[in-house]
Structures are given as C-alpha cells and as structure tokens.
N, C-alpha and C. Protein backbone atom coordinates (compact mmCIF):
# COMPACT_ATOMS: atom_id res chain seq x y z
N MET A 1 -236.84 125.49 -41.67
CA MET A 1 -235.75 125.64 -42.53
C MET A 1 -235.36 127.13 -42.82
N PHE A 2 -234.08 127.34 -42.88
CA PHE A 2 -233.53 128.63 -43.12
C PHE A 2 -232.77 128.67 -44.44
N GLN A 3 -232.72 129.85 -45.03
CA GLN A 3 -231.85 130.08 -46.17
C GLN A 3 -230.91 131.16 -45.87
N ALA A 4 -229.59 130.93 -46.07
CA ALA A 4 -228.63 131.99 -45.79
C ALA A 4 -227.90 132.36 -46.96
N SER A 5 -227.75 133.69 -47.18
CA SER A 5 -227.05 134.19 -48.36
C SER A 5 -225.74 134.80 -47.77
N VAL A 6 -224.62 134.29 -48.33
CA VAL A 6 -223.34 134.71 -47.78
C VAL A 6 -222.74 135.76 -48.80
N ASN A 7 -222.43 136.95 -48.42
CA ASN A 7 -221.82 138.08 -49.17
C ASN A 7 -222.62 138.26 -50.51
N ASP A 8 -223.95 138.06 -50.34
CA ASP A 8 -224.82 138.32 -51.51
C ASP A 8 -224.49 137.37 -52.77
N ARG A 9 -223.87 136.23 -52.63
CA ARG A 9 -223.60 135.29 -53.59
C ARG A 9 -223.99 133.92 -53.22
N ASP A 10 -223.25 133.28 -52.43
CA ASP A 10 -223.48 131.96 -52.12
C ASP A 10 -224.66 131.70 -51.18
N THR A 11 -225.53 130.88 -51.59
CA THR A 11 -226.77 130.57 -50.71
C THR A 11 -226.66 129.11 -50.26
N VAL A 12 -226.96 129.03 -48.91
CA VAL A 12 -227.08 127.64 -48.31
C VAL A 12 -228.40 127.51 -47.55
N THR A 13 -228.77 126.30 -47.35
CA THR A 13 -229.94 125.99 -46.63
C THR A 13 -229.57 125.22 -45.31
N ILE A 14 -230.28 125.73 -44.29
CA ILE A 14 -229.99 125.03 -42.95
C ILE A 14 -231.33 124.55 -42.44
N ASP A 15 -231.29 123.36 -41.85
CA ASP A 15 -232.48 122.74 -41.38
C ASP A 15 -232.19 122.08 -39.97
N PHE A 16 -233.16 122.16 -39.11
CA PHE A 16 -232.96 121.48 -37.80
C PHE A 16 -233.96 120.36 -37.69
N ALA A 17 -233.42 119.21 -38.31
CA ALA A 17 -234.29 117.97 -38.38
C ALA A 17 -234.12 117.25 -36.98
N PRO A 18 -235.08 116.37 -36.67
CA PRO A 18 -234.99 115.52 -35.50
C PRO A 18 -233.77 114.73 -35.37
N GLN A 19 -233.14 114.24 -36.50
CA GLN A 19 -231.94 113.46 -36.46
C GLN A 19 -230.67 114.40 -36.30
N GLY A 20 -230.84 115.70 -36.35
CA GLY A 20 -229.77 116.67 -36.15
C GLY A 20 -229.76 117.69 -37.27
N PRO A 21 -228.98 118.72 -37.10
CA PRO A 21 -228.99 119.81 -38.07
C PRO A 21 -228.34 119.38 -39.41
N THR A 22 -228.81 120.01 -40.49
CA THR A 22 -228.18 119.77 -41.76
C THR A 22 -227.88 121.15 -42.42
N LEU A 23 -226.81 121.09 -43.24
CA LEU A 23 -226.38 122.22 -44.05
C LEU A 23 -226.35 121.74 -45.52
N ASN A 24 -227.25 122.34 -46.37
CA ASN A 24 -227.36 121.80 -47.71
C ASN A 24 -227.72 120.32 -47.85
N ASP A 25 -228.61 119.93 -46.87
CA ASP A 25 -229.11 118.55 -46.74
C ASP A 25 -227.98 117.55 -46.41
N ALA A 26 -226.90 118.03 -46.01
CA ALA A 26 -225.79 117.17 -45.45
C ALA A 26 -225.69 117.35 -43.89
N PRO A 27 -225.35 116.23 -43.15
CA PRO A 27 -225.36 116.46 -41.76
C PRO A 27 -224.31 117.47 -41.33
N PHE A 28 -224.64 118.26 -40.36
CA PHE A 28 -223.81 119.29 -39.85
C PHE A 28 -222.92 118.56 -38.78
N ASP A 29 -221.71 118.20 -39.23
CA ASP A 29 -220.86 117.38 -38.35
C ASP A 29 -219.61 118.27 -37.87
N TRP A 30 -219.85 119.47 -37.66
CA TRP A 30 -218.74 120.28 -37.21
C TRP A 30 -218.64 120.26 -35.67
N ASP A 31 -217.45 120.44 -35.19
CA ASP A 31 -217.27 120.54 -33.71
C ASP A 31 -217.20 121.97 -33.52
N LEU A 32 -218.11 122.55 -32.69
CA LEU A 32 -218.28 123.94 -32.40
C LEU A 32 -218.14 124.22 -30.96
N VAL A 33 -217.24 125.01 -30.44
CA VAL A 33 -217.09 125.32 -28.94
C VAL A 33 -217.13 126.87 -28.87
N ARG A 34 -217.96 127.26 -27.97
CA ARG A 34 -218.02 128.77 -27.65
C ARG A 34 -216.90 129.12 -26.74
N LEU A 35 -216.15 130.16 -27.17
CA LEU A 35 -215.02 130.66 -26.40
C LEU A 35 -215.41 131.88 -25.61
N SER A 36 -216.30 132.68 -26.19
CA SER A 36 -216.88 133.87 -25.33
C SER A 36 -218.26 134.12 -25.96
N ASP A 37 -218.78 135.23 -25.54
CA ASP A 37 -220.20 135.52 -26.08
C ASP A 37 -220.16 135.79 -27.61
N ARG A 38 -219.04 136.11 -28.18
CA ARG A 38 -219.08 136.55 -29.52
C ARG A 38 -218.00 135.74 -30.32
N THR A 39 -217.27 134.84 -29.67
CA THR A 39 -216.21 134.03 -30.34
C THR A 39 -216.36 132.61 -30.26
N PHE A 40 -216.16 131.83 -31.32
CA PHE A 40 -216.30 130.39 -31.44
C PHE A 40 -215.08 129.68 -32.02
N HIS A 41 -214.89 128.47 -31.64
CA HIS A 41 -213.78 127.73 -32.37
C HIS A 41 -214.53 126.62 -33.03
N ILE A 42 -214.19 126.39 -34.36
CA ILE A 42 -214.82 125.39 -35.17
C ILE A 42 -213.74 124.45 -35.72
N LEU A 43 -214.10 123.01 -35.64
CA LEU A 43 -213.28 122.08 -36.27
C LEU A 43 -214.12 121.42 -37.30
N ARG A 44 -213.75 121.44 -38.58
CA ARG A 44 -214.42 120.74 -39.72
C ARG A 44 -213.44 120.20 -40.68
N ASN A 45 -213.54 118.91 -40.95
CA ASN A 45 -212.64 118.15 -41.81
C ASN A 45 -211.23 118.35 -41.42
N ASN A 46 -210.89 118.26 -40.18
CA ASN A 46 -209.55 118.41 -39.60
C ASN A 46 -208.92 119.82 -39.81
N GLN A 47 -209.80 120.83 -40.06
CA GLN A 47 -209.33 122.20 -40.16
C GLN A 47 -209.92 122.97 -39.06
N SER A 48 -209.05 123.92 -38.50
CA SER A 48 -209.50 124.72 -37.42
C SER A 48 -209.87 126.17 -37.90
N TYR A 49 -210.97 126.65 -37.41
CA TYR A 49 -211.43 128.10 -37.66
C TYR A 49 -211.81 128.79 -36.36
N THR A 50 -211.55 130.13 -36.44
CA THR A 50 -211.97 130.94 -35.35
C THR A 50 -213.03 131.94 -35.93
N ALA A 51 -214.18 131.89 -35.37
CA ALA A 51 -215.26 132.69 -35.85
C ALA A 51 -215.64 133.76 -34.79
N GLU A 52 -215.84 135.01 -35.18
CA GLU A 52 -216.21 136.05 -34.29
C GLU A 52 -217.44 136.70 -34.85
N LEU A 53 -218.44 136.93 -33.92
CA LEU A 53 -219.64 137.69 -34.37
C LEU A 53 -219.29 139.15 -34.29
N ILE A 54 -219.23 139.84 -35.43
CA ILE A 54 -218.90 141.29 -35.42
C ILE A 54 -220.12 142.17 -35.18
N ASP A 55 -221.15 141.88 -35.94
CA ASP A 55 -222.36 142.65 -35.85
C ASP A 55 -223.65 141.79 -36.11
N MET A 56 -224.81 142.19 -35.44
CA MET A 56 -226.01 141.38 -35.61
C MET A 56 -227.12 142.41 -35.70
N ASP A 57 -228.00 142.27 -36.77
CA ASP A 57 -229.19 143.08 -36.82
C ASP A 57 -230.33 142.13 -36.90
N ALA A 58 -230.98 141.97 -35.75
CA ALA A 58 -232.09 140.91 -35.65
C ALA A 58 -233.23 141.33 -36.50
N ALA A 59 -233.58 142.56 -36.60
CA ALA A 59 -234.75 143.02 -37.36
C ALA A 59 -234.48 142.77 -38.84
N ALA A 60 -233.24 142.94 -39.35
CA ALA A 60 -232.99 142.70 -40.75
C ALA A 60 -232.55 141.22 -40.97
N LYS A 61 -232.38 140.49 -39.95
CA LYS A 61 -231.95 139.16 -40.07
C LYS A 61 -230.61 138.98 -40.72
N SER A 62 -229.72 139.84 -40.37
CA SER A 62 -228.41 139.80 -40.91
C SER A 62 -227.24 139.76 -39.82
N ILE A 63 -226.17 139.14 -40.08
CA ILE A 63 -225.00 139.13 -39.20
C ILE A 63 -223.74 139.36 -40.09
N THR A 64 -222.75 139.85 -39.39
CA THR A 64 -221.36 139.91 -39.92
C THR A 64 -220.54 139.04 -39.09
N LEU A 65 -219.88 138.20 -39.74
CA LEU A 65 -218.88 137.19 -39.10
C LEU A 65 -217.50 137.45 -39.60
N LYS A 66 -216.57 137.28 -38.73
CA LYS A 66 -215.08 137.26 -39.04
C LYS A 66 -214.58 135.84 -38.81
N ILE A 67 -214.28 135.23 -39.94
CA ILE A 67 -213.77 133.82 -39.76
C ILE A 67 -212.29 133.82 -40.35
N ASN A 68 -211.40 133.45 -39.46
CA ASN A 68 -209.97 133.36 -39.88
C ASN A 68 -209.62 134.66 -40.61
N GLN A 69 -209.90 135.83 -40.06
CA GLN A 69 -209.61 137.17 -40.51
C GLN A 69 -210.35 137.65 -41.84
N ALA A 70 -211.24 136.80 -42.30
CA ALA A 70 -212.06 137.14 -43.53
C ALA A 70 -213.46 137.52 -43.01
N LEU A 71 -214.10 138.68 -43.56
CA LEU A 71 -215.37 139.07 -43.21
C LEU A 71 -216.47 138.41 -44.10
N TYR A 72 -217.59 137.96 -43.55
CA TYR A 72 -218.65 137.44 -44.19
C TYR A 72 -219.96 138.13 -43.73
N GLN A 73 -220.73 138.64 -44.73
CA GLN A 73 -221.99 139.21 -44.40
C GLN A 73 -223.11 138.16 -44.75
N VAL A 74 -223.84 137.73 -43.73
CA VAL A 74 -224.77 136.71 -43.92
C VAL A 74 -226.23 137.21 -43.64
N GLN A 75 -227.02 136.97 -44.70
CA GLN A 75 -228.40 137.45 -44.67
C GLN A 75 -229.29 136.21 -44.54
N LEU A 76 -230.12 136.10 -43.49
CA LEU A 76 -230.89 134.91 -43.19
C LEU A 76 -232.41 135.16 -43.70
N LYS A 77 -232.99 134.04 -44.15
CA LYS A 77 -234.49 134.08 -44.47
C LYS A 77 -235.04 132.91 -43.82
N ASP A 78 -236.13 133.14 -43.04
CA ASP A 78 -236.83 131.94 -42.35
C ASP A 78 -237.91 131.47 -43.31
N ARG A 79 -238.66 130.62 -42.86
CA ARG A 79 -239.72 129.96 -43.71
C ARG A 79 -240.76 131.03 -44.09
N PHE A 80 -241.06 131.93 -43.27
CA PHE A 80 -242.07 132.93 -43.58
C PHE A 80 -241.60 133.90 -44.60
N ASP A 81 -240.23 134.32 -44.56
CA ASP A 81 -239.68 135.08 -45.58
C ASP A 81 -239.71 134.43 -46.95
N LEU A 82 -239.35 133.05 -46.97
CA LEU A 82 -239.39 132.32 -48.16
C LEU A 82 -240.73 132.20 -48.62
N LEU A 83 -241.62 131.96 -47.86
CA LEU A 83 -243.07 131.77 -48.33
C LEU A 83 -243.52 133.14 -48.89
N LEU A 84 -243.32 134.20 -48.37
CA LEU A 84 -243.78 135.49 -48.83
C LEU A 84 -243.08 135.78 -50.18
N GLU A 85 -241.76 135.45 -50.29
CA GLU A 85 -241.05 135.55 -51.52
C GLU A 85 -241.56 134.68 -52.62
N GLN A 86 -241.91 133.50 -52.28
CA GLN A 86 -242.54 132.60 -53.13
C GLN A 86 -243.91 132.95 -53.67
N MET A 87 -244.57 133.70 -52.85
CA MET A 87 -245.93 134.16 -53.17
C MET A 87 -245.80 135.53 -53.86
N GLY A 88 -244.59 135.96 -54.11
CA GLY A 88 -244.47 137.30 -54.77
C GLY A 88 -244.75 138.52 -53.96
N MET A 89 -244.59 138.37 -52.65
CA MET A 89 -245.09 139.43 -51.68
C MET A 89 -243.77 140.01 -51.01
N SER A 90 -242.58 139.78 -51.40
CA SER A 90 -241.43 140.41 -50.82
C SER A 90 -241.32 141.87 -51.17
N ASN A 91 -240.89 142.66 -50.42
CA ASN A 91 -240.79 144.13 -50.72
C ASN A 91 -239.55 144.50 -51.54
N ALA A 92 -239.72 145.28 -52.48
CA ALA A 92 -238.61 145.77 -53.31
C ALA A 92 -237.61 146.59 -52.58
N ALA A 93 -236.39 146.27 -52.49
CA ALA A 93 -235.38 147.09 -51.78
C ALA A 93 -235.18 148.41 -52.38
N GLY A 94 -235.23 149.49 -51.56
CA GLY A 94 -234.91 150.83 -52.08
C GLY A 94 -236.14 151.55 -52.55
N ALA A 95 -237.27 150.93 -52.68
CA ALA A 95 -238.46 151.60 -53.18
C ALA A 95 -238.97 152.48 -52.11
N LYS A 96 -239.59 153.57 -52.55
CA LYS A 96 -240.17 154.50 -51.60
C LYS A 96 -241.31 153.85 -50.92
N VAL A 97 -241.36 154.02 -49.62
CA VAL A 97 -242.43 153.37 -48.81
C VAL A 97 -243.67 154.26 -48.90
N ASN A 98 -244.78 153.81 -49.47
CA ASN A 98 -246.02 154.51 -49.54
C ASN A 98 -247.03 153.93 -48.53
N ASP A 99 -247.09 152.63 -48.54
CA ASP A 99 -247.98 151.96 -47.50
C ASP A 99 -247.62 150.59 -47.30
N ILE A 100 -248.27 149.97 -46.31
CA ILE A 100 -248.13 148.49 -46.03
C ILE A 100 -249.47 147.92 -46.28
N LYS A 101 -249.47 146.81 -47.07
CA LYS A 101 -250.66 146.11 -47.35
C LYS A 101 -250.56 144.72 -46.69
N ALA A 102 -251.70 144.21 -46.36
CA ALA A 102 -251.81 142.84 -45.76
C ALA A 102 -251.20 141.79 -46.68
N PRO A 103 -250.26 141.02 -46.24
CA PRO A 103 -249.66 140.04 -47.16
C PRO A 103 -250.62 138.81 -47.38
N MET A 104 -251.54 138.66 -46.40
CA MET A 104 -252.50 137.54 -46.45
C MET A 104 -253.77 137.93 -45.61
N PRO A 105 -254.87 137.20 -45.70
CA PRO A 105 -256.04 137.47 -44.82
C PRO A 105 -255.58 137.19 -43.42
N GLY A 106 -256.17 137.88 -42.45
CA GLY A 106 -255.91 137.58 -41.05
C GLY A 106 -256.61 138.52 -40.13
N LEU A 107 -256.16 138.46 -38.86
CA LEU A 107 -256.68 139.27 -37.79
C LEU A 107 -255.60 140.15 -37.13
N ILE A 108 -255.82 141.51 -36.99
CA ILE A 108 -254.84 142.36 -36.47
C ILE A 108 -254.95 142.14 -34.99
N VAL A 109 -253.78 141.66 -34.30
CA VAL A 109 -253.76 141.43 -32.97
C VAL A 109 -252.90 142.50 -32.15
N GLY A 110 -252.30 143.46 -32.88
CA GLY A 110 -251.47 144.55 -32.27
C GLY A 110 -251.06 145.50 -33.25
N VAL A 111 -251.14 146.76 -32.79
CA VAL A 111 -250.53 147.92 -33.62
C VAL A 111 -249.56 148.57 -32.71
N SER A 112 -248.37 148.78 -33.19
CA SER A 112 -247.32 149.33 -32.31
C SER A 112 -246.91 150.73 -32.74
N VAL A 113 -247.59 151.44 -33.64
CA VAL A 113 -247.26 152.77 -34.06
C VAL A 113 -248.52 153.60 -34.03
N GLU A 114 -248.28 155.00 -34.16
CA GLU A 114 -249.40 155.87 -34.17
C GLU A 114 -249.12 156.86 -35.32
N PRO A 115 -250.09 157.67 -35.80
CA PRO A 115 -249.78 158.55 -36.82
C PRO A 115 -248.71 159.54 -36.36
N GLY A 116 -247.80 159.86 -37.22
CA GLY A 116 -246.61 160.80 -36.87
C GLY A 116 -245.37 160.06 -36.43
N THR A 117 -245.51 158.74 -36.17
CA THR A 117 -244.36 157.97 -35.68
C THR A 117 -243.42 157.78 -36.81
N ALA A 118 -242.15 158.06 -36.57
CA ALA A 118 -240.99 157.82 -37.51
C ALA A 118 -240.55 156.37 -37.30
N VAL A 119 -240.54 155.63 -38.37
CA VAL A 119 -240.14 154.15 -38.28
C VAL A 119 -238.97 154.01 -39.17
N GLN A 120 -238.18 153.02 -38.88
CA GLN A 120 -236.96 152.68 -39.72
C GLN A 120 -237.23 151.34 -40.28
N LYS A 121 -236.51 151.01 -41.21
CA LYS A 121 -236.64 149.70 -42.03
C LYS A 121 -236.46 148.61 -41.00
N GLY A 122 -237.44 147.67 -40.92
CA GLY A 122 -237.33 146.53 -39.95
C GLY A 122 -238.05 146.71 -38.72
N ASP A 123 -238.49 147.91 -38.41
CA ASP A 123 -239.34 148.16 -37.24
C ASP A 123 -240.60 147.46 -37.21
N ILE A 124 -241.01 146.69 -36.23
CA ILE A 124 -242.34 146.07 -36.23
C ILE A 124 -243.49 147.14 -36.07
N VAL A 125 -244.44 147.15 -37.04
CA VAL A 125 -245.45 148.19 -36.87
C VAL A 125 -246.79 147.70 -36.55
N LEU A 126 -246.99 146.40 -36.78
CA LEU A 126 -248.23 145.62 -36.33
C LEU A 126 -248.04 144.14 -36.40
N ILE A 127 -248.96 143.47 -35.70
CA ILE A 127 -248.95 141.96 -35.71
C ILE A 127 -250.22 141.50 -36.38
N LEU A 128 -250.08 140.63 -37.32
CA LEU A 128 -251.12 140.04 -38.06
C LEU A 128 -251.21 138.54 -37.82
N GLU A 129 -252.37 138.08 -37.21
CA GLU A 129 -252.52 136.62 -36.97
C GLU A 129 -253.14 136.02 -38.28
N ALA A 130 -252.52 135.04 -38.74
CA ALA A 130 -252.96 134.33 -40.02
C ALA A 130 -252.54 132.87 -39.87
N MET A 131 -253.51 132.00 -40.25
CA MET A 131 -253.24 130.55 -40.21
C MET A 131 -252.73 130.14 -38.82
N LYS A 132 -253.37 130.67 -37.77
CA LYS A 132 -253.03 130.33 -36.38
C LYS A 132 -251.54 130.73 -35.99
N MET A 133 -250.97 131.64 -36.78
CA MET A 133 -249.63 132.07 -36.35
C MET A 133 -249.58 133.53 -36.42
N GLU A 134 -248.79 134.12 -35.47
CA GLU A 134 -248.68 135.54 -35.42
C GLU A 134 -247.47 135.97 -36.36
N ASN A 135 -247.77 136.95 -37.18
CA ASN A 135 -246.70 137.53 -38.09
C ASN A 135 -246.37 138.89 -37.90
N ALA A 136 -245.17 139.23 -37.53
CA ALA A 136 -244.79 140.49 -37.31
C ALA A 136 -244.63 141.24 -38.61
N ILE A 137 -245.41 142.28 -38.83
CA ILE A 137 -245.32 143.07 -40.13
C ILE A 137 -244.38 144.32 -39.83
N LYS A 138 -243.30 144.33 -40.62
CA LYS A 138 -242.20 145.29 -40.35
C LYS A 138 -242.32 146.42 -41.43
N ALA A 139 -241.70 147.61 -41.00
CA ALA A 139 -241.58 148.68 -41.99
C ALA A 139 -240.65 148.33 -43.00
N PRO A 140 -241.09 148.39 -44.30
CA PRO A 140 -240.12 148.13 -45.44
C PRO A 140 -239.05 149.09 -45.66
N GLY A 141 -239.09 150.24 -45.00
CA GLY A 141 -238.13 151.34 -45.20
C GLY A 141 -238.32 152.38 -44.22
N ASP A 142 -237.45 153.43 -44.22
CA ASP A 142 -237.59 154.58 -43.28
C ASP A 142 -238.68 155.38 -43.74
N ALA A 143 -239.56 155.69 -42.89
CA ALA A 143 -240.74 156.57 -43.14
C ALA A 143 -241.38 157.17 -41.94
N THR A 144 -242.36 157.99 -42.14
CA THR A 144 -243.20 158.50 -41.04
C THR A 144 -244.69 158.02 -41.36
N VAL A 145 -245.36 157.53 -40.25
CA VAL A 145 -246.66 157.06 -40.46
C VAL A 145 -247.67 158.20 -40.61
N ARG A 146 -248.44 158.22 -41.67
CA ARG A 146 -249.43 159.17 -41.92
C ARG A 146 -250.83 158.74 -41.35
N THR A 147 -251.23 157.50 -41.80
CA THR A 147 -252.51 157.01 -41.37
C THR A 147 -252.52 155.59 -41.08
N ILE A 148 -253.20 155.15 -40.01
CA ILE A 148 -253.34 153.74 -39.63
C ILE A 148 -254.87 153.37 -40.04
N ARG A 149 -254.98 152.50 -40.91
CA ARG A 149 -256.39 152.14 -41.36
C ARG A 149 -257.04 151.00 -40.62
N VAL A 150 -256.29 150.45 -39.61
CA VAL A 150 -256.82 149.26 -38.91
C VAL A 150 -256.64 149.46 -37.45
N VAL A 151 -257.39 148.76 -36.63
CA VAL A 151 -257.22 148.72 -35.17
C VAL A 151 -257.14 147.29 -34.69
N LYS A 152 -256.66 147.06 -33.47
CA LYS A 152 -256.60 145.71 -32.90
C LYS A 152 -258.01 145.12 -32.98
N GLY A 153 -258.10 143.86 -33.51
CA GLY A 153 -259.40 143.15 -33.63
C GLY A 153 -260.00 143.17 -34.92
N ASP A 154 -259.42 144.05 -35.91
CA ASP A 154 -259.95 144.08 -37.24
C ASP A 154 -259.51 142.76 -38.08
N ARG A 155 -260.42 142.29 -38.84
CA ARG A 155 -260.17 141.30 -39.86
C ARG A 155 -259.82 141.98 -41.16
N VAL A 156 -258.71 141.53 -41.85
CA VAL A 156 -258.22 142.13 -43.07
C VAL A 156 -258.15 141.12 -44.17
N GLU A 157 -258.16 141.57 -45.40
CA GLU A 157 -258.08 140.78 -46.54
C GLU A 157 -256.73 141.00 -47.15
N LYS A 158 -256.28 140.04 -47.92
CA LYS A 158 -254.93 140.16 -48.68
C LYS A 158 -255.01 141.42 -49.46
N ASN A 159 -253.88 142.18 -49.47
CA ASN A 159 -253.62 143.44 -50.20
C ASN A 159 -254.40 144.69 -49.67
N GLN A 160 -255.14 144.48 -48.52
CA GLN A 160 -255.83 145.61 -47.92
C GLN A 160 -254.72 146.54 -47.33
N VAL A 161 -254.87 147.85 -47.62
CA VAL A 161 -253.92 148.79 -47.00
C VAL A 161 -254.10 148.87 -45.49
N LEU A 162 -253.05 148.68 -44.75
CA LEU A 162 -253.06 148.71 -43.35
C LEU A 162 -252.54 150.06 -42.80
N ILE A 163 -251.42 150.50 -43.29
CA ILE A 163 -250.76 151.75 -42.88
C ILE A 163 -250.29 152.49 -44.07
N GLU A 164 -250.47 153.86 -43.98
CA GLU A 164 -249.97 154.74 -45.08
C GLU A 164 -248.83 155.57 -44.50
N PHE A 165 -247.89 155.87 -45.26
CA PHE A 165 -246.69 156.67 -44.90
C PHE A 165 -246.68 158.01 -45.69
N GLU A 166 -246.01 158.92 -45.08
CA GLU A 166 -245.81 160.29 -45.70
C GLU A 166 -244.64 160.26 -46.68
C-alpha cells in the first residue's frame, strides 16, 4: 500500500491488490495510455486528461505532475515510511542533523559513507536488515559524516547511534 499527499493537502491511498489496483479502496478503472516517456493520456468518467511528468526525486519519493496545465506536487509514502511514522520514528523536517539512530533492531549489511563524506537529504548511508527485509537508511538532511559507529556485520538495537554528523 502507498499513501500519496497531493500539494501537501489531499491524501489518497493506492493499493495493488490481486484483483487489480485501487485508489481510496475503489477500483482504479481509468484508461491510461503512455504517449512518451514522460507524457500520458488518461480517460476517467468520460473526461480526457493529459499528464506530464515534470520532475521526479526517487530518494525523496516525490514527483511533480502537470495535468491539463495544472501543477501537482505528489509526495509518496510506502508501507515502511508509514510503519516508521506510526511507530513515531519519522524524522522531523528542517531539524539539524546530529546523528542517525537505528529505527529498529537489526543487522548492518552495508555502509556506503566514510567519515568526512558530505551527504544530502535522502542519500542512502547504510543498509539495515530487520525482520528479513533490507531497509535503506537515508540521511535526514544535508550534513557531513563525523563518525561511523558501526561496521558491516554489526548487530544493533533500536535507538543505537549508527552515524554522527558534524
């Protein structure tokens, strides 16, 4: 399941069920035709729409769409984002980045930064395996890595400091 916030106001849920995709628990019965890599034609309730993908930031899970000349900023959250938010572990926007703590117990299976590395918000800094799934831990903001307190193969506990920033 995904949750999409449109222009920071309207929120919809999208699910890919075995019987077909749903939007807000209703069947997704739109006719969608790809016109080019970034342009689509949509028919819904006998109305025609032209949708163009203007910008996409995969790390931030956001896209900008132009639909019939109106711009829409869409922010996506997958089930992991929703779970972390439900558990009270989502990062506060705009806060100064001091460190990254383990959101849950697990095993470090990869570290992709070194001390002195400058990271930007959304950059993957390490991979934490938890509950038989690999979770990409991303930088919550722009910062420079000061210390890395874990190495590949370390077992970590919830709220253990993994990386400190300057």
